């Protein structure tokens, strides 16, 4: 049985918000904020909670960007917009930062992150 997870694709000023995972899976790798959906929790509530816990930011959750299966995890990634808060890594995030496309290409990212987001068209607004 797959574990339900969510992620947030958050763009601001031609940069994507990434967090460096502080715990497995993907410890030490950079990815978008997200995590498991708790029992009885909606995807929207899970995205809002995970982003706040990992980054200190409050977001408005938008449409579904895409769905991917990674191992035992079914991950639904949503577009989101920052509405408040201050960027501060927390919870299981060892770091958090806004990254350009050029920076992302040189970072240790979680498997398939950049190709997947690119294939969904979510990074079309990021210049090379």
N, C-alpha and C. Protein backbone atom coordinates (compact mmCIF):
# COMPACT_ATOMS: atom_id res chain seq x y z
N UNK A 1 0.84 -1.18 0.00
CA UNK A 1 0.00 0.00 0.00
C UNK A 1 0.89 1.25 0.00
N UNK A 2 0.54 2.20 -0.83
CA UNK A 2 1.33 3.42 -0.95
C UNK A 2 0.99 4.42 0.15
N UNK A 3 1.98 5.15 0.61
CA UNK A 3 1.81 6.19 1.62
C UNK A 3 1.45 7.49 0.90
N UNK A 4 0.33 8.11 1.29
CA UNK A 4 -0.10 9.37 0.68
C UNK A 4 0.75 10.53 1.19
N UNK A 5 1.32 11.29 0.23
CA UNK A 5 2.15 12.44 0.55
C UNK A 5 1.77 13.60 -0.35
N UNK A 6 2.17 14.80 0.06
CA UNK A 6 1.95 16.00 -0.73
C UNK A 6 3.24 16.81 -0.77
N UNK A 7 3.32 17.68 -1.76
CA UNK A 7 4.44 18.60 -1.87
C UNK A 7 3.93 19.94 -2.37
N UNK A 8 4.75 20.98 -2.19
CA UNK A 8 4.38 22.33 -2.61
C UNK A 8 5.41 22.88 -3.58
N UNK A 9 4.93 23.28 -4.74
CA UNK A 9 5.76 23.95 -5.75
C UNK A 9 5.50 25.44 -5.58
N UNK A 10 6.49 26.14 -5.01
CA UNK A 10 6.32 27.55 -4.67
C UNK A 10 7.37 28.37 -5.40
N UNK A 11 6.90 29.24 -6.29
CA UNK A 11 7.79 30.11 -7.06
C UNK A 11 7.64 31.55 -6.58
N UNK A 12 8.77 32.26 -6.53
CA UNK A 12 8.76 33.67 -6.16
C UNK A 12 9.97 34.34 -6.80
N UNK A 13 9.74 35.42 -7.52
CA UNK A 13 10.83 36.18 -8.14
C UNK A 13 11.76 35.28 -8.96
N UNK A 14 11.19 34.42 -9.79
CA UNK A 14 11.95 33.54 -10.69
C UNK A 14 12.83 32.55 -9.94
N UNK A 15 12.41 32.17 -8.75
CA UNK A 15 13.13 31.17 -7.96
C UNK A 15 12.13 30.18 -7.37
N UNK A 16 12.62 28.96 -7.11
CA UNK A 16 11.81 27.89 -6.53
C UNK A 16 12.24 27.67 -5.09
N UNK A 17 11.28 27.48 -4.20
CA UNK A 17 11.59 27.20 -2.80
C UNK A 17 11.97 25.74 -2.64
N UNK A 18 13.16 25.49 -2.09
CA UNK A 18 13.64 24.14 -1.82
C UNK A 18 14.02 24.01 -0.36
N UNK A 19 13.89 22.79 0.16
CA UNK A 19 14.34 22.47 1.51
C UNK A 19 15.33 21.33 1.42
N UNK A 20 16.32 21.34 2.30
CA UNK A 20 17.27 20.22 2.39
C UNK A 20 16.75 19.28 3.48
N UNK A 21 16.51 18.06 3.10
CA UNK A 21 15.93 17.07 4.00
C UNK A 21 16.88 16.77 5.16
N UNK A 22 16.33 16.83 6.37
CA UNK A 22 17.12 16.56 7.56
C UNK A 22 17.02 15.12 8.04
N UNK A 23 16.08 14.36 7.46
CA UNK A 23 15.85 12.97 7.86
C UNK A 23 15.52 12.14 6.62
N UNK A 24 15.66 10.82 6.72
CA UNK A 24 15.25 9.94 5.62
C UNK A 24 13.74 10.06 5.37
N UNK A 25 13.23 9.81 4.20
CA UNK A 25 14.01 9.50 3.00
C UNK A 25 14.62 10.77 2.40
N UNK A 26 15.72 10.61 1.74
CA UNK A 26 16.35 11.73 1.05
C UNK A 26 17.14 12.66 1.95
N UNK A 27 17.58 12.18 3.09
CA UNK A 27 18.35 13.02 4.01
C UNK A 27 19.54 13.65 3.29
N UNK A 28 19.69 14.98 3.44
CA UNK A 28 20.80 15.70 2.84
C UNK A 28 20.52 16.19 1.42
N UNK A 29 19.45 15.69 0.81
CA UNK A 29 19.10 16.10 -0.55
C UNK A 29 18.10 17.25 -0.50
N UNK A 30 18.10 18.02 -1.57
CA UNK A 30 17.18 19.16 -1.69
C UNK A 30 15.92 18.72 -2.44
N UNK A 31 14.78 19.24 -1.99
CA UNK A 31 13.50 18.94 -2.62
C UNK A 31 12.53 20.06 -2.30
N UNK A 32 11.32 19.93 -2.84
CA UNK A 32 10.29 20.89 -2.48
C UNK A 32 9.73 20.51 -1.11
N UNK A 33 9.17 21.47 -0.37
CA UNK A 33 8.60 21.15 0.93
C UNK A 33 7.43 20.18 0.78
N UNK A 34 7.29 19.30 1.76
CA UNK A 34 6.16 18.38 1.72
C UNK A 34 6.35 17.23 2.68
N UNK A 35 5.38 16.33 2.69
CA UNK A 35 5.45 15.18 3.56
C UNK A 35 4.17 14.39 3.54
N UNK A 36 4.01 13.55 4.54
CA UNK A 36 2.86 12.64 4.62
C UNK A 36 1.56 13.38 4.94
N UNK A 37 0.48 12.87 4.37
CA UNK A 37 -0.86 13.33 4.71
C UNK A 37 -1.30 12.54 5.94
N UNK A 38 -1.66 13.24 7.00
CA UNK A 38 -2.10 12.59 8.23
C UNK A 38 -3.51 12.02 8.04
N UNK A 39 -3.87 10.97 8.80
CA UNK A 39 -5.21 10.39 8.69
C UNK A 39 -6.29 11.45 8.92
N UNK A 40 -7.26 11.51 8.01
CA UNK A 40 -8.36 12.47 8.11
C UNK A 40 -8.03 13.86 7.61
N UNK A 41 -6.80 14.09 7.19
CA UNK A 41 -6.35 15.41 6.73
C UNK A 41 -6.54 15.53 5.23
N UNK A 42 -6.99 16.68 4.77
CA UNK A 42 -7.11 16.92 3.33
C UNK A 42 -5.73 17.23 2.76
N UNK A 43 -5.59 17.11 1.44
CA UNK A 43 -4.33 17.47 0.80
C UNK A 43 -3.98 18.93 1.06
N UNK A 44 -4.98 19.81 0.95
CA UNK A 44 -4.73 21.24 1.15
C UNK A 44 -4.21 21.49 2.55
N UNK A 45 -4.86 20.91 3.55
CA UNK A 45 -4.41 21.10 4.94
C UNK A 45 -3.01 20.54 5.14
N UNK A 46 -2.71 19.39 4.51
CA UNK A 46 -1.38 18.79 4.63
C UNK A 46 -0.31 19.67 4.00
N UNK A 47 -0.59 20.25 2.84
CA UNK A 47 0.38 21.15 2.20
C UNK A 47 0.62 22.36 3.09
N UNK A 48 -0.45 22.97 3.58
CA UNK A 48 -0.30 24.15 4.44
C UNK A 48 0.53 23.81 5.68
N UNK A 49 0.24 22.69 6.31
CA UNK A 49 0.95 22.28 7.52
C UNK A 49 2.42 21.99 7.25
N UNK A 50 2.68 21.19 6.22
CA UNK A 50 4.06 20.81 5.91
C UNK A 50 4.91 22.02 5.54
N UNK A 51 4.38 22.92 4.74
CA UNK A 51 5.15 24.11 4.36
C UNK A 51 5.44 24.96 5.59
N UNK A 52 4.45 25.15 6.44
CA UNK A 52 4.66 25.94 7.66
C UNK A 52 5.69 25.29 8.57
N UNK A 53 5.58 23.97 8.77
CA UNK A 53 6.52 23.26 9.64
C UNK A 53 7.95 23.30 9.09
N UNK A 54 8.10 23.14 7.78
CA UNK A 54 9.44 23.03 7.20
C UNK A 54 10.08 24.36 6.85
N UNK A 55 9.26 25.40 6.63
CA UNK A 55 9.83 26.66 6.13
C UNK A 55 9.43 27.89 6.92
N UNK A 56 8.42 27.80 7.78
CA UNK A 56 7.93 28.97 8.49
C UNK A 56 7.03 29.85 7.65
N UNK A 57 6.72 29.43 6.43
CA UNK A 57 5.90 30.23 5.52
C UNK A 57 4.44 29.76 5.52
N UNK A 58 3.54 30.72 5.39
CA UNK A 58 2.11 30.44 5.24
C UNK A 58 1.82 30.51 3.75
N UNK A 59 1.08 29.51 3.23
CA UNK A 59 0.80 29.48 1.81
C UNK A 59 -0.69 29.32 1.53
N UNK A 60 -1.06 29.77 0.34
CA UNK A 60 -2.38 29.48 -0.23
C UNK A 60 -2.14 28.39 -1.26
N UNK A 61 -2.85 27.27 -1.12
CA UNK A 61 -2.65 26.12 -1.99
C UNK A 61 -3.49 26.29 -3.25
N UNK A 62 -2.85 26.08 -4.39
CA UNK A 62 -3.50 26.19 -5.68
C UNK A 62 -3.79 24.82 -6.28
N UNK A 63 -3.79 24.77 -7.60
CA UNK A 63 -4.14 23.52 -8.29
C UNK A 63 -3.05 22.45 -8.20
N UNK A 64 -3.46 21.22 -8.45
CA UNK A 64 -2.54 20.09 -8.51
C UNK A 64 -1.59 20.29 -9.69
N UNK A 65 -0.29 20.21 -9.42
CA UNK A 65 0.71 20.32 -10.48
C UNK A 65 0.95 18.98 -11.14
N UNK A 66 0.91 17.90 -10.33
CA UNK A 66 1.15 16.57 -10.87
C UNK A 66 1.28 15.55 -9.75
N UNK A 67 1.29 14.29 -10.16
CA UNK A 67 1.38 13.18 -9.22
C UNK A 67 2.51 12.26 -9.65
N UNK A 68 3.25 11.74 -8.67
CA UNK A 68 4.37 10.86 -8.95
C UNK A 68 4.45 9.78 -7.87
N UNK A 69 4.92 8.61 -8.24
CA UNK A 69 5.17 7.54 -7.27
C UNK A 69 6.67 7.38 -7.15
N UNK A 70 7.16 7.47 -5.90
CA UNK A 70 8.58 7.27 -5.61
C UNK A 70 8.67 6.21 -4.52
N UNK A 71 9.06 5.01 -4.90
CA UNK A 71 9.13 3.91 -3.94
C UNK A 71 7.75 3.61 -3.40
N UNK A 72 7.60 3.69 -2.08
CA UNK A 72 6.32 3.41 -1.42
C UNK A 72 5.46 4.65 -1.23
N UNK A 73 5.83 5.77 -1.86
CA UNK A 73 5.15 7.03 -1.64
C UNK A 73 4.40 7.49 -2.89
N UNK A 74 3.11 7.81 -2.72
CA UNK A 74 2.30 8.44 -3.76
C UNK A 74 2.28 9.92 -3.41
N UNK A 75 2.91 10.75 -4.26
CA UNK A 75 3.10 12.16 -3.95
C UNK A 75 2.29 13.02 -4.92
N UNK A 76 1.40 13.84 -4.34
CA UNK A 76 0.64 14.80 -5.13
C UNK A 76 1.22 16.18 -4.84
N UNK A 77 1.79 16.82 -5.86
CA UNK A 77 2.41 18.12 -5.70
C UNK A 77 1.46 19.21 -6.18
N UNK A 78 1.32 20.24 -5.37
CA UNK A 78 0.42 21.34 -5.64
C UNK A 78 1.19 22.64 -5.81
N UNK A 79 0.67 23.51 -6.69
CA UNK A 79 1.20 24.86 -6.78
C UNK A 79 0.75 25.60 -5.53
N UNK A 80 1.58 26.49 -5.01
CA UNK A 80 1.22 27.25 -3.81
C UNK A 80 1.86 28.63 -3.88
N UNK A 81 1.24 29.58 -3.18
CA UNK A 81 1.69 30.96 -3.16
C UNK A 81 1.90 31.39 -1.71
N UNK A 82 3.02 32.04 -1.44
CA UNK A 82 3.32 32.53 -0.09
C UNK A 82 2.40 33.70 0.24
N UNK A 83 1.76 33.63 1.43
CA UNK A 83 0.89 34.71 1.88
C UNK A 83 1.37 35.32 3.20
N UNK A 84 2.38 34.70 3.82
CA UNK A 84 2.88 35.24 5.08
C UNK A 84 4.02 34.40 5.64
N UNK A 85 4.51 34.82 6.79
CA UNK A 85 5.57 34.09 7.46
C UNK A 85 6.95 34.58 7.07
N UNK A 86 7.96 33.98 7.69
CA UNK A 86 9.36 34.30 7.42
C UNK A 86 10.09 32.99 7.16
N UNK A 87 10.87 32.96 6.09
CA UNK A 87 11.58 31.74 5.71
C UNK A 87 12.58 31.35 6.79
N UNK A 88 12.29 30.23 7.45
CA UNK A 88 13.12 29.69 8.51
C UNK A 88 13.01 28.17 8.47
N UNK A 89 14.11 27.45 8.22
CA UNK A 89 14.01 26.00 8.18
C UNK A 89 13.59 25.45 9.54
N UNK A 90 12.73 24.45 9.51
CA UNK A 90 12.25 23.85 10.74
C UNK A 90 11.82 22.42 10.53
N UNK A 91 11.34 21.77 11.57
CA UNK A 91 10.86 20.39 11.54
C UNK A 91 11.96 19.50 10.98
N UNK A 92 11.70 18.79 9.88
CA UNK A 92 12.73 17.89 9.34
C UNK A 92 13.56 18.53 8.24
N UNK A 93 13.46 19.85 8.06
CA UNK A 93 14.25 20.55 7.05
C UNK A 93 15.53 21.08 7.69
N UNK A 94 16.67 20.68 7.15
CA UNK A 94 17.96 21.15 7.65
C UNK A 94 18.29 22.54 7.14
N UNK A 95 17.67 22.92 6.01
CA UNK A 95 17.89 24.23 5.41
C UNK A 95 16.74 24.51 4.47
N UNK A 96 16.54 25.77 4.13
CA UNK A 96 15.51 26.17 3.17
C UNK A 96 16.00 27.41 2.45
N UNK A 97 15.78 27.44 1.14
CA UNK A 97 16.21 28.62 0.39
C UNK A 97 15.50 28.71 -0.96
N UNK A 98 15.50 29.92 -1.49
CA UNK A 98 14.96 30.18 -2.82
C UNK A 98 16.09 29.95 -3.83
N UNK A 99 15.83 29.16 -4.88
CA UNK A 99 16.89 28.76 -5.81
C UNK A 99 16.52 29.07 -7.26
N UNK A 100 17.52 29.53 -7.99
CA UNK A 100 17.35 29.73 -9.43
C UNK A 100 17.54 28.39 -10.14
N UNK A 101 17.19 28.35 -11.40
CA UNK A 101 17.37 27.13 -12.19
C UNK A 101 18.85 26.76 -12.25
N UNK A 102 19.72 27.74 -12.44
CA UNK A 102 21.17 27.46 -12.50
C UNK A 102 21.67 26.88 -11.19
N UNK A 103 21.21 27.41 -10.07
CA UNK A 103 21.62 26.89 -8.77
C UNK A 103 21.14 25.45 -8.59
N UNK A 104 19.90 25.18 -8.98
CA UNK A 104 19.35 23.83 -8.82
C UNK A 104 20.14 22.78 -9.59
N UNK A 105 20.63 23.15 -10.74
CA UNK A 105 21.39 22.20 -11.55
C UNK A 105 22.68 21.74 -10.86
N UNK A 106 23.19 22.55 -9.94
CA UNK A 106 24.41 22.19 -9.23
C UNK A 106 24.19 21.64 -7.84
N UNK A 107 22.93 21.43 -7.47
CA UNK A 107 22.61 20.97 -6.12
C UNK A 107 22.27 19.48 -6.12
N UNK A 108 22.52 18.79 -5.00
CA UNK A 108 22.10 17.39 -4.89
C UNK A 108 20.58 17.34 -4.62
N UNK A 109 19.82 17.11 -5.67
CA UNK A 109 18.36 17.10 -5.58
C UNK A 109 17.84 15.68 -5.40
N UNK A 110 16.64 15.55 -4.86
CA UNK A 110 16.02 14.24 -4.77
C UNK A 110 15.81 13.69 -6.19
N UNK A 111 15.84 12.39 -6.29
CA UNK A 111 15.78 11.71 -7.60
C UNK A 111 14.56 12.16 -8.40
N UNK A 112 14.82 12.61 -9.63
CA UNK A 112 13.77 12.94 -10.57
C UNK A 112 13.08 14.27 -10.35
N UNK A 113 13.49 15.05 -9.35
CA UNK A 113 12.78 16.29 -9.03
C UNK A 113 12.75 17.26 -10.21
N UNK A 114 13.90 17.64 -10.71
CA UNK A 114 13.96 18.64 -11.77
C UNK A 114 13.29 18.17 -13.06
N UNK A 115 13.55 16.94 -13.54
CA UNK A 115 12.86 16.49 -14.75
C UNK A 115 11.35 16.41 -14.58
N UNK A 116 10.90 16.00 -13.41
CA UNK A 116 9.45 15.88 -13.17
C UNK A 116 8.79 17.25 -13.18
N UNK A 117 9.33 18.19 -12.41
CA UNK A 117 8.74 19.53 -12.38
C UNK A 117 8.78 20.20 -13.74
N UNK A 118 9.86 19.96 -14.48
CA UNK A 118 9.98 20.52 -15.83
C UNK A 118 8.92 19.92 -16.76
N UNK A 119 8.72 18.60 -16.67
CA UNK A 119 7.74 17.93 -17.54
C UNK A 119 6.32 18.40 -17.26
N UNK A 120 6.04 18.82 -16.02
CA UNK A 120 4.71 19.33 -15.68
C UNK A 120 4.54 20.79 -16.10
N UNK A 121 5.60 21.44 -16.54
CA UNK A 121 5.53 22.84 -16.93
C UNK A 121 5.55 23.82 -15.77
N UNK A 122 5.84 23.33 -14.57
CA UNK A 122 5.78 24.20 -13.40
C UNK A 122 6.98 25.14 -13.30
N UNK A 123 8.05 24.85 -14.03
CA UNK A 123 9.25 25.70 -13.96
C UNK A 123 9.40 26.60 -15.19
N UNK A 124 8.34 26.69 -15.98
CA UNK A 124 8.40 27.48 -17.22
C UNK A 124 8.74 28.94 -16.96
N UNK A 125 8.41 29.46 -15.78
CA UNK A 125 8.67 30.86 -15.48
C UNK A 125 10.09 31.13 -14.98
N UNK A 126 10.89 30.07 -14.83
CA UNK A 126 12.24 30.25 -14.32
C UNK A 126 13.21 30.41 -15.48
N UNK A 127 13.93 31.52 -15.53
CA UNK A 127 14.92 31.69 -16.60
C UNK A 127 16.12 30.78 -16.38
N UNK A 128 16.82 30.48 -17.47
CA UNK A 128 18.04 29.67 -17.36
C UNK A 128 19.14 30.50 -16.87
